[in-house]
């Protein structure tokens, strides 16, 4: 009977010791509650003890967590709609504050953080134009508001490490897309008009240069032709002079034949001359 009592006591003691020990894995933290009141918080990874049946344990993941939120619509400084899809990366910094603010409910923490992040983004986007929001640096949009976001998140024991914008869209039910497309078309038309004007200007320059070169080439060709004709006439005159000097009678006969050929080339010419006219001397005789 005594052995049985001792065994029961030992088993009960072991159970109490086992229930008083707990291990916190790496990457987690915990707090100890006594009748619902926090007595110890931010426990480091390792072996810890608590009072059995009196104290309870709540574990929390201290690693980086991703807070996703649905896309939110904002107005730019031009009063144009944009849809911004973002997510935040954060972790629990103060477990005690986190438990007091949210009761340890991570969904409740996400629900309370989302409006803080959205308001911060709204304050930044409201001061920028549509072009600055879409084509500007997203890091600039985020970096200026990250400190303000952490001021609000500090009360919940949470610290936002980074905020990323996944996508910026133009809502399909607004006039922004039409305005953007119209602006893009206008810009493309301006570029096309400028290119056409530049092309026409270059074409006019090329045509003018071609006309100028043509005129120069024709003038040079005419000059060379006149020079060659002059040289040919001079050479012909020289040859005629040499021929006349060598045989004046034959030269006179040759010139008369050329004159006859030119005078009667059409076949119906009529020349009225006296019988003894010198022009007809070679028709009467070859002497």
C-alpha atoms as a PDB file:
ATOM      1  CA  UNK A   1       0.000   0.000   0.000  1.00  0.00           C
ATOM      2  CA  UNK A   2       2.875   2.327   0.896  1.00  0.00           C
ATOM      3  CA  UNK A   3       4.633   1.421  -2.381  1.00  0.00           C
ATOM      4  CA  UNK A   4       1.576   2.334  -4.343  1.00  0.00           C
ATOM      5  CA  UNK A   5       1.279   5.709  -2.590  1.00  0.00           C
ATOM      6  CA  UNK A   6       4.946   6.449  -3.237  1.00  0.00           C
ATOM      7  CA  UNK A   7       4.563   5.577  -6.899  1.00  0.00           C
ATOM      8  CA  UNK A   8       1.553   7.832  -7.242  1.00  0.00           C
ATOM      9  CA  UNK A   9       3.416  10.683  -5.596  1.00  0.00           C
ATOM     10  CA  UNK A  10       6.429  10.211  -7.851  1.00  0.00           C
ATOM     11  CA  UNK A  11       4.262  10.104 -10.983  1.00  0.00           C
ATOM     12  CA  UNK A  12       2.412  13.238  -9.868  1.00  0.00           C
ATOM     13  CA  UNK A  13       5.704  14.997  -9.178  1.00  0.00           C
ATOM     14  CA  UNK A  14       7.043  14.025 -12.604  1.00  0.00           C
ATOM     15  CA  UNK A  15       3.901  15.282 -14.255  1.00  0.00           C
ATOM     16  CA  UNK A  16       4.180  18.577 -12.402  1.00  0.00           C
ATOM     17  CA  UNK A  17       7.825  18.945 -13.377  1.00  0.00           C
ATOM     18  CA  UNK A  18       7.055  18.066 -17.010  1.00  0.00           C
ATOM     19  CA  UNK A  19       4.189  20.545 -17.143  1.00  0.00           C
ATOM     20  CA  UNK A  20       6.414  23.260 -15.704  1.00  0.00           C
ATOM     21  CA  UNK A  21       9.076  22.864 -18.421  1.00  0.00           C
ATOM     22  CA  UNK A  22       8.755  24.163 -21.969  1.00  0.00           C
ATOM     23  CA  UNK A  23      11.073  24.757 -24.914  1.00  0.00           C
ATOM     24  CA  UNK A  24      10.952  27.725 -27.247  1.00  0.00           C
ATOM     25  CA  UNK A  25      12.264  26.847 -30.740  1.00  0.00           C
ATOM     26  CA  UNK A  26      14.563  29.118 -32.717  1.00  0.00           C
ATOM     27  CA  UNK A  27      12.661  31.910 -34.451  1.00  0.00           C
ATOM     28  CA  UNK A  28       9.893  31.999 -31.875  1.00  0.00           C
ATOM     29  CA  UNK A  29       9.241  33.854 -28.648  1.00  0.00           C
ATOM     30  CA  UNK A  30       6.684  33.472 -25.882  1.00  0.00           C
ATOM     31  CA  UNK A  31       5.088  35.137 -22.912  1.00  0.00           C
ATOM     32  CA  UNK A  32       3.903  33.636 -19.653  1.00  0.00           C
ATOM     33  CA  UNK A  33       0.464  34.506 -18.293  1.00  0.00           C
ATOM     34  CA  UNK A  34      -0.652  34.214 -14.681  1.00  0.00           C
ATOM     35  CA  UNK A  35      -4.418  34.309 -14.395  1.00  0.00           C
ATOM     36  CA  UNK A  36      -4.530  36.181 -17.709  1.00  0.00           C
ATOM     37  CA  UNK A  37      -1.901  38.745 -16.671  1.00  0.00           C
ATOM     38  CA  UNK A  38       1.473  38.914 -18.434  1.00  0.00           C
ATOM     39  CA  UNK A  39       4.255  38.106 -15.960  1.00  0.00           C
ATOM     40  CA  UNK A  40       7.095  37.396 -18.371  1.00  0.00           C
ATOM     41  CA  UNK A  41       7.515  38.314 -22.020  1.00  0.00           C
ATOM     42  CA  UNK A  42       9.976  38.163 -24.900  1.00  0.00           C
ATOM     43  CA  UNK A  43      11.398  34.829 -23.814  1.00  0.00           C
ATOM     44  CA  UNK A  44      14.449  33.753 -25.783  1.00  0.00           C
ATOM     45  CA  UNK A  45      14.719  30.352 -27.537  1.00  0.00           C
ATOM     46  CA  UNK A  46      15.700  27.545 -25.170  1.00  0.00           C
ATOM     47  CA  UNK A  47      14.460  25.723 -22.055  1.00  0.00           C
ATOM     48  CA  UNK A  48      12.207  27.631 -19.632  1.00  0.00           C
ATOM     49  CA  UNK A  49      10.027  26.905 -16.588  1.00  0.00           C
ATOM     50  CA  UNK A  50       6.644  28.061 -15.389  1.00  0.00           C
ATOM     51  CA  UNK A  51       4.392  27.343 -12.487  1.00  0.00           C
ATOM     52  CA  UNK A  52       2.144  24.406 -13.381  1.00  0.00           C
ATOM     53  CA  UNK A  53      -1.611  24.938 -13.280  1.00  0.00           C
ATOM     54  CA  UNK A  54      -1.101  28.600 -12.388  1.00  0.00           C
ATOM     55  CA  UNK A  55       0.820  30.018 -15.338  1.00  0.00           C
ATOM     56  CA  UNK A  56       0.028  29.489 -19.030  1.00  0.00           C
ATOM     57  CA  UNK A  57       2.113  29.941 -22.144  1.00  0.00           C
ATOM     58  CA  UNK A  58       1.521  31.771 -25.460  1.00  0.00           C
ATOM     59  CA  UNK A  59       3.958  31.290 -28.329  1.00  0.00           C
ATOM     60  CA  UNK A  60       4.535  33.724 -31.207  1.00  0.00           C
ATOM     61  CA  UNK A  61       6.535  33.556 -34.407  1.00  0.00           C
ATOM     62  CA  UNK A  62       9.216  36.220 -34.381  1.00  0.00           C
ATOM     63  CA  UNK A  63      10.356  35.690 -37.968  1.00  0.00           C
ATOM     64  CA  UNK A  64       9.496  38.044 -40.811  1.00  0.00           C
ATOM     65  CA  UNK A  65       5.885  37.777 -41.871  1.00  0.00           C
ATOM     66  CA  UNK A  66       4.164  38.976 -45.036  1.00  0.00           C
ATOM     67  CA  UNK A  67       1.090  41.113 -44.669  1.00  0.00           C
ATOM     68  CA  UNK A  68      -0.920  40.958 -47.896  1.00  0.00           C
ATOM     69  CA  UNK A  69      -3.800  43.296 -48.574  1.00  0.00           C
ATOM     70  CA  UNK A  70      -6.237  43.703 -51.468  1.00  0.00           C
ATOM     71  CA  UNK A  71      -5.480  46.364 -54.059  1.00  0.00           C
ATOM     72  CA  UNK A  72      -6.504  49.855 -52.987  1.00  0.00           C
ATOM     73  CA  UNK A  73      -7.594  52.758 -55.148  1.00  0.00           C
ATOM     74  CA  UNK A  74      -5.994  56.173 -54.667  1.00  0.00           C
ATOM     75  CA  UNK A  75      -6.236  59.612 -56.226  1.00  0.00           C
ATOM     76  CA  UNK A  76      -3.215  61.384 -57.655  1.00  0.00           C
ATOM     77  CA  UNK A  77      -2.639  65.115 -57.397  1.00  0.00           C
ATOM     78  CA  UNK A  78      -4.510  65.391 -60.730  1.00  0.00           C
ATOM     79  CA  UNK A  79      -7.547  63.661 -59.185  1.00  0.00           C
ATOM     80  CA  UNK A  80      -7.032  60.549 -61.310  1.00  0.00           C
ATOM     81  CA  UNK A  81      -7.604  57.008 -60.040  1.00  0.00           C
ATOM     82  CA  UNK A  82      -4.851  54.427 -59.677  1.00  0.00           C
ATOM     83  CA  UNK A  83      -5.108  50.939 -58.229  1.00  0.00           C
ATOM     84  CA  UNK A  84      -2.112  49.980 -56.060  1.00  0.00           C
ATOM     85  CA  UNK A  85      -1.422  46.385 -55.048  1.00  0.00           C
ATOM     86  CA  UNK A  86       1.094  46.132 -52.201  1.00  0.00           C
ATOM     87  CA  UNK A  87       2.322  43.927 -49.376  1.00  0.00           C
ATOM     88  CA  UNK A  88       4.228  44.634 -46.183  1.00  0.00           C
ATOM     89  CA  UNK A  89       7.004  42.654 -44.510  1.00  0.00           C
ATOM     90  CA  UNK A  90       7.219  42.907 -40.726  1.00  0.00           C
ATOM     91  CA  UNK A  91       7.720  41.055 -37.470  1.00  0.00           C
ATOM     92  CA  UNK A  92       6.808  41.203 -33.801  1.00  0.00           C
ATOM     93  CA  UNK A  93       9.212  43.412 -31.872  1.00  0.00           C
ATOM     94  CA  UNK A  94       7.446  43.662 -28.488  1.00  0.00           C
ATOM     95  CA  UNK A  95       5.426  40.576 -27.571  1.00  0.00           C
ATOM     96  CA  UNK A  96       3.885  42.212 -24.493  1.00  0.00           C
ATOM     97  CA  UNK A  97       2.583  45.191 -26.510  1.00  0.00           C
ATOM     98  CA  UNK A  98       1.431  42.870 -29.291  1.00  0.00           C
ATOM     99  CA  UNK A  99      -0.588  40.731 -26.861  1.00  0.00           C
ATOM    100  CA  UNK A 100      -2.144  43.721 -25.144  1.00  0.00           C
ATOM    101  CA  UNK A 101      -3.110  45.376 -28.440  1.00  0.00           C
ATOM    102  CA  UNK A 102      -4.405  42.335 -30.323  1.00  0.00           C
ATOM    103  CA  UNK A 103      -4.896  39.606 -27.718  1.00  0.00           C
ATOM    104  CA  UNK A 104      -2.313  37.584 -29.640  1.00  0.00           C
ATOM    105  CA  UNK A 105      -4.511  37.397 -32.752  1.00  0.00           C
ATOM    106  CA  UNK A 106      -2.379  37.872 -35.873  1.00  0.00           C
ATOM    107  CA  UNK A 107      -5.432  38.408 -38.088  1.00  0.00           C
ATOM    108  CA  UNK A 108      -6.536  41.234 -35.827  1.00  0.00           C
ATOM    109  CA  UNK A 109      -3.045  42.741 -36.085  1.00  0.00           C
ATOM    110  CA  UNK A 110      -3.187  42.557 -39.899  1.00  0.00           C
ATOM    111  CA  UNK A 111      -6.617  44.183 -39.900  1.00  0.00           C
ATOM    112  CA  UNK A 112      -5.321  47.070 -37.773  1.00  0.00           C
ATOM    113  CA  UNK A 113      -2.080  47.507 -39.753  1.00  0.00           C
ATOM    114  CA  UNK A 114      -3.734  47.616 -43.168  1.00  0.00           C
ATOM    115  CA  UNK A 115      -5.457  51.014 -42.668  1.00  0.00           C
ATOM    116  CA  UNK A 116      -2.207  52.524 -41.338  1.00  0.00           C
ATOM    117  CA  UNK A 117      -0.301  51.398 -44.441  1.00  0.00           C
ATOM    118  CA  UNK A 118      -3.071  52.455 -46.804  1.00  0.00           C
ATOM    119  CA  UNK A 119      -3.307  55.929 -45.250  1.00  0.00           C
ATOM    120  CA  UNK A 120       0.462  56.374 -45.523  1.00  0.00           C
ATOM    121  CA  UNK A 121       0.429  55.400 -49.182  1.00  0.00           C
ATOM    122  CA  UNK A 122      -2.541  57.670 -49.798  1.00  0.00           C
ATOM    123  CA  UNK A 123      -0.695  60.655 -48.318  1.00  0.00           C
ATOM    124  CA  UNK A 124       2.241  60.022 -50.638  1.00  0.00           C
ATOM    125  CA  UNK A 125       0.305  59.261 -53.818  1.00  0.00           C
ATOM    126  CA  UNK A 126      -2.004  62.261 -53.334  1.00  0.00           C
ATOM    127  CA  UNK A 127       1.020  64.554 -53.732  1.00  0.00           C
ATOM    128  CA  UNK A 128       2.222  62.982 -56.993  1.00  0.00           C
ATOM    129  CA  UNK A 129       1.026  63.143 -60.576  1.00  0.00           C
ATOM    130  CA  UNK A 130      -0.057  60.048 -62.469  1.00  0.00           C
ATOM    131  CA  UNK A 131       3.184  60.003 -64.435  1.00  0.00           C
ATOM    132  CA  UNK A 132       5.269  60.273 -61.259  1.00  0.00           C
ATOM    133  CA  UNK A 133       3.355  57.416 -59.629  1.00  0.00           C
ATOM    134  CA  UNK A 134       3.521  55.079 -62.631  1.00  0.00           C
ATOM    135  CA  UNK A 135       6.987  55.801 -63.983  1.00  0.00           C
ATOM    136  CA  UNK A 136       8.740  57.119 -60.877  1.00  0.00           C
ATOM    137  CA  UNK A 137      10.808  55.173 -58.364  1.00  0.00           C
ATOM    138  CA  UNK A 138       8.577  53.069 -56.145  1.00  0.00           C
ATOM    139  CA  UNK A 139      11.250  53.098 -53.465  1.00  0.00           C
ATOM    140  CA  UNK A 140      10.766  56.863 -53.161  1.00  0.00           C
ATOM    141  CA  UNK A 141       7.026  56.429 -52.673  1.00  0.00           C
ATOM    142  CA  UNK A 142       7.578  53.855 -49.942  1.00  0.00           C
ATOM    143  CA  UNK A 143      10.687  55.159 -48.219  1.00  0.00           C
ATOM    144  CA  UNK A 144       9.182  58.464 -47.155  1.00  0.00           C
ATOM    145  CA  UNK A 145       6.225  56.805 -45.434  1.00  0.00           C
ATOM    146  CA  UNK A 146       7.886  53.773 -43.823  1.00  0.00           C
ATOM    147  CA  UNK A 147       8.819  55.746 -40.722  1.00  0.00           C
ATOM    148  CA  UNK A 148       5.268  57.056 -40.332  1.00  0.00           C
ATOM    149  CA  UNK A 149       3.888  53.530 -40.700  1.00  0.00           C
ATOM    150  CA  UNK A 150       6.165  52.255 -37.929  1.00  0.00           C
ATOM    151  CA  UNK A 151       4.996  55.042 -35.625  1.00  0.00           C
ATOM    152  CA  UNK A 152       1.503  53.593 -35.821  1.00  0.00           C
ATOM    153  CA  UNK A 153       2.674  49.965 -35.742  1.00  0.00           C
ATOM    154  CA  UNK A 154       4.812  50.525 -32.632  1.00  0.00           C
ATOM    155  CA  UNK A 155       1.739  50.643 -30.425  1.00  0.00           C
ATOM    156  CA  UNK A 156       0.997  47.055 -31.465  1.00  0.00           C
ATOM    157  CA  UNK A 157       4.565  45.879 -30.848  1.00  0.00           C
ATOM    158  CA  UNK A 158       5.112  45.339 -34.586  1.00  0.00           C
ATOM    159  CA  UNK A 159       7.831  46.749 -36.828  1.00  0.00           C
ATOM    160  CA  UNK A 160       7.391  46.969 -40.593  1.00  0.00           C
ATOM    161  CA  UNK A 161      10.748  46.213 -42.202  1.00  0.00           C
ATOM    162  CA  UNK A 162       9.786  46.807 -45.812  1.00  0.00           C
ATOM    163  CA  UNK A 163       6.837  47.765 -47.949  1.00  0.00           C
ATOM    164  CA  UNK A 164       6.669  46.652 -51.556  1.00  0.00           C
ATOM    165  CA  UNK A 165       4.374  47.754 -54.356  1.00  0.00           C
ATOM    166  CA  UNK A 166       3.610  44.771 -56.574  1.00  0.00           C
ATOM    167  CA  UNK A 167       1.608  46.495 -59.253  1.00  0.00           C
ATOM    168  CA  UNK A 168       0.133  49.843 -60.185  1.00  0.00           C
ATOM    169  CA  UNK A 169      -2.864  49.638 -62.504  1.00  0.00           C
ATOM    170  CA  UNK A 170      -5.328  52.046 -63.975  1.00  0.00           C
ATOM    171  CA  UNK A 171      -8.893  51.115 -63.018  1.00  0.00           C
ATOM    172  CA  UNK A 172     -10.878  49.899 -66.014  1.00  0.00           C
ATOM    173  CA  UNK A 173     -14.023  51.690 -64.866  1.00  0.00           C
ATOM    174  CA  UNK A 174     -12.495  55.163 -64.936  1.00  0.00           C
ATOM    175  CA  UNK A 175     -11.595  57.651 -67.655  1.00  0.00           C
ATOM    176  CA  UNK A 176      -7.903  57.438 -66.818  1.00  0.00           C
ATOM    177  CA  UNK A 177      -7.155  54.681 -69.326  1.00  0.00           C
ATOM    178  CA  UNK A 178      -8.835  56.614 -72.118  1.00  0.00           C
ATOM    179  CA  UNK A 179      -6.948  59.773 -71.159  1.00  0.00           C
ATOM    180  CA  UNK A 180      -3.658  57.891 -71.029  1.00  0.00           C
ATOM    181  CA  UNK A 181      -4.258  56.282 -74.419  1.00  0.00           C
ATOM    182  CA  UNK A 182      -5.242  59.645 -75.903  1.00  0.00           C
ATOM    183  CA  UNK A 183      -2.095  61.221 -74.496  1.00  0.00           C
ATOM    184  CA  UNK A 184       0.002  58.349 -75.845  1.00  0.00           C
ATOM    185  CA  UNK A 185      -1.591  58.707 -79.279  1.00  0.00           C
ATOM    186  CA  UNK A 186      -0.977  62.458 -79.241  1.00  0.00           C
ATOM    187  CA  UNK A 187       2.662  61.928 -78.272  1.00  0.00           C
ATOM    188  CA  UNK A 188       3.121  59.307 -81.008  1.00  0.00           C
ATOM    189  CA  UNK A 189       1.493  61.623 -83.540  1.00  0.00           C
ATOM    190  CA  UNK A 190       3.815  64.437 -82.512  1.00  0.00           C
ATOM    191  CA  UNK A 191       6.808  62.152 -82.938  1.00  0.00           C
ATOM    192  CA  UNK A 192       5.504  60.940 -86.308  1.00  0.00           C
ATOM    193  CA  UNK A 193       4.897  64.522 -87.489  1.00  0.00           C
ATOM    194  CA  UNK A 194       8.367  65.562 -86.386  1.00  0.00           C
ATOM    195  CA  UNK A 195       9.939  62.596 -88.172  1.00  0.00           C
ATOM    196  CA  UNK A 196       7.948  63.292 -91.326  1.00  0.00           C
ATOM    197  CA  UNK A 197       8.981  66.954 -91.239  1.00  0.00           C
ATOM    198  CA  UNK A 198      12.627  65.997 -90.752  1.00  0.00           C
ATOM    199  CA  UNK A 199      12.347  63.467 -93.590  1.00  0.00           C
ATOM    200  CA  UNK A 200      10.755  66.040 -95.907  1.00  0.00           C
ATOM    201  CA  UNK A 201      13.466  68.553 -95.041  1.00  0.00           C
ATOM    202  CA  UNK A 202      16.181  66.023 -95.791  1.00  0.00           C
ATOM    203  CA  UNK A 203      14.428  65.037 -99.028  1.00  0.00           C
ATOM    204  CA  UNK A 204      14.303  68.714-100.105  1.00  0.00           C
ATOM    205  CA  UNK A 205      17.982  69.099 -99.272  1.00  0.00           C
ATOM    206  CA  UNK A 206      18.835  65.979-101.277  1.00  0.00           C
ATOM    207  CA  UNK A 207      16.726  67.141-104.245  1.00  0.00           C
ATOM    208  CA  UNK A 208      18.279  70.613-104.134  1.00  0.00           C
ATOM    209  CA  UNK A 209      21.767  69.132-104.028  1.00  0.00           C
ATOM    210  CA  UNK A 210      20.900  66.761-106.894  1.00  0.00           C
ATOM    211  CA  UNK A 211      19.556  69.682-108.994  1.00  0.00           C
ATOM    212  CA  UNK A 212      22.639  71.739-108.196  1.00  0.00           C
ATOM    213  CA  UNK A 213      24.957  68.854-109.078  1.00  0.00           C
ATOM    214  CA  UNK A 214      22.976  68.267-112.304  1.00  0.00           C
ATOM    215  CA  UNK A 215      23.304  71.903-113.295  1.00  0.00           C
ATOM    216  CA  UNK A 216      27.036  71.847-112.532  1.00  0.00           C
ATOM    217  CA  UNK A 217      27.540  68.625-114.488  1.00  0.00           C
ATOM    218  CA  UNK A 218      25.585  69.967-117.493  1.00  0.00           C
ATOM    219  CA  UNK A 219      27.492  73.232-117.397  1.00  0.00           C
ATOM    220  CA  UNK A 220      30.814  71.417-117.227  1.00  0.00           C
ATOM    221  CA  UNK A 221      29.735  69.076-120.014  1.00  0.00           C
ATOM    222  CA  UNK A 222      28.664  72.021-122.213  1.00  0.00           C
ATOM    223  CA  UNK A 223      31.943  73.760-121.472  1.00  0.00           C
ATOM    224  CA  UNK A 224      33.915  70.671-122.392  1.00  0.00           C
ATOM    225  CA  UNK A 225      31.779  70.220-125.544  1.00  0.00           C
ATOM    226  CA  UNK A 226      32.380  73.827-126.586  1.00  0.00           C
ATOM    227  CA  UNK A 227      36.063  73.336-125.962  1.00  0.00           C
ATOM    228  CA  UNK A 228      36.111  70.145-128.028  1.00  0.00           C
ATOM    229  CA  UNK A 229      34.062  71.757-130.792  1.00  0.00           C
ATOM    230  CA  UNK A 230      36.410  74.704-130.813  1.00  0.00           C
ATOM    231  CA  UNK A 231      39.412  72.420-130.947  1.00  0.00           C
ATOM    232  CA  UNK A 232      37.730  70.395-133.724  1.00  0.00           C
ATOM    233  CA  UNK A 233      36.923  73.528-135.730  1.00  0.00           C
ATOM    234  CA  UNK A 234      40.462  74.773-135.260  1.00  0.00           C
ATOM    235  CA  UNK A 235      41.856  71.438-136.364  1.00  0.00           C
ATOM    236  CA  UNK A 236      39.507  71.406-139.370  1.00  0.00           C
ATOM    237  CA  UNK A 237      40.529  74.931-140.285  1.00  0.00           C
ATOM    238  CA  UNK A 238      44.155  73.934-139.989  1.00  0.00           C
ATOM    239  CA  UNK A 239      43.616  70.899-142.188  1.00  0.00           C
ATOM    240  CA  UNK A 240      41.704  72.951-144.754  1.00  0.00           C
ATOM    241  CA  UNK A 241      44.470  75.518-144.741  1.00  0.00           C
ATOM    242  CA  UNK A 242      47.100  72.832-145.227  1.00  0.00           C
ATOM    243  CA  UNK A 243      45.058  71.258-148.033  1.00  0.00           C
ATOM    244  CA  UNK A 244      44.570  74.654-149.679  1.00  0.00           C
ATOM    245  CA  UNK A 245      48.286  75.375-149.468  1.00  0.00           C
ATOM    246  CA  UNK A 246      49.203  71.984-150.947  1.00  0.00           C
ATOM    247  CA  UNK A 247      46.670  71.991-153.865  1.00  0.00           C
ATOM    248  CA  UNK A 248      44.599  75.175-154.124  1.00  0.00           C
ATOM    249  CA  UNK A 249      42.714  73.910-157.176  1.00  0.00           C
ATOM    250  CA  UNK A 250      41.640  70.682-155.527  1.00  0.00           C
ATOM    251  CA  UNK A 251      40.650  72.608-152.399  1.00  0.00           C
ATOM    252  CA  UNK A 252      38.504  74.966-154.436  1.00  0.00           C
ATOM    253  CA  UNK A 253      36.944  71.977-156.213  1.00  0.00           C
ATOM    254  CA  UNK A 254      36.187  70.270-152.883  1.00  0.00           C
ATOM    255  CA  UNK A 255      34.610  73.374-151.418  1.00  0.00           C
ATOM    256  CA  UNK A 256      32.485  73.843-154.515  1.00  0.00           C
ATOM    257  CA  UNK A 257      31.219  70.257-154.264  1.00  0.00           C
ATOM    258  CA  UNK A 258      30.245  70.856-150.623  1.00  0.00           C
ATOM    259  CA  UNK A 259      28.445  74.014-151.677  1.00  0.00           C
ATOM    260  CA  UNK A 260      26.590  72.120-154.427  1.00  0.00           C
ATOM    261  CA  UNK A 261      25.605  69.375-151.977  1.00  0.00           C
ATOM    262  CA  UNK A 262      24.227  71.843-149.415  1.00  0.00           C
ATOM    263  CA  UNK A 263      22.421  73.889-152.047  1.00  0.00           C
ATOM    264  CA  UNK A 264      20.629  70.945-153.599  1.00  0.00           C
ATOM    265  CA  UNK A 265      20.240  68.749-150.495  1.00  0.00           C
ATOM    266  CA  UNK A 266      16.444  69.050-150.389  1.00  0.00           C
ATOM    267  CA  UNK A 267      16.004  67.932-154.024  1.00  0.00           C
ATOM    268  CA  UNK A 268      13.561  70.673-155.024  1.00  0.00           C
ATOM    269  CA  UNK A 269      15.730  73.796-154.714  1.00  0.00           C
ATOM    270  CA  UNK A 270      15.830  76.182-157.648  1.00  0.00           C
ATOM    271  CA  UNK A 271      18.790  78.519-158.170  1.00  0.00           C
ATOM    272  CA  UNK A 272      18.669  81.209-160.847  1.00  0.00           C
ATOM    273  CA  UNK A 273      22.135  82.264-161.969  1.00  0.00           C
ATOM    274  CA  UNK A 274      23.766  83.680-165.052  1.00  0.00           C
ATOM    275  CA  UNK A 275      25.363  81.220-167.399  1.00  0.00           C
ATOM    276  CA  UNK A 276      28.856  82.443-166.744  1.00  0.00           C
ATOM    277  CA  UNK A 277      28.426  82.669-162.921  1.00  0.00           C
ATOM    278  CA  UNK A 278      31.591  81.391-161.122  1.00  0.00           C
ATOM    279  CA  UNK A 279      29.426  79.162-158.904  1.00  0.00           C
ATOM    280  CA  UNK A 280      28.695  76.950-161.903  1.00  0.00           C
ATOM    281  CA  UNK A 281      32.185  76.709-163.230  1.00  0.00           C
ATOM    282  CA  UNK A 282      32.709  73.080-162.016  1.00  0.00           C
ATOM    283  CA  UNK A 283      29.399  72.031-163.555  1.00  0.00           C
ATOM    284  CA  UNK A 284      30.618  73.166-166.916  1.00  0.00           C
ATOM    285  CA  UNK A 285      34.110  71.818-166.480  1.00  0.00           C
ATOM    286  CA  UNK A 286      36.257  70.264-163.750  1.00  0.00           C
ATOM    287  CA  UNK A 287      38.933  72.842-164.262  1.00  0.00           C
END
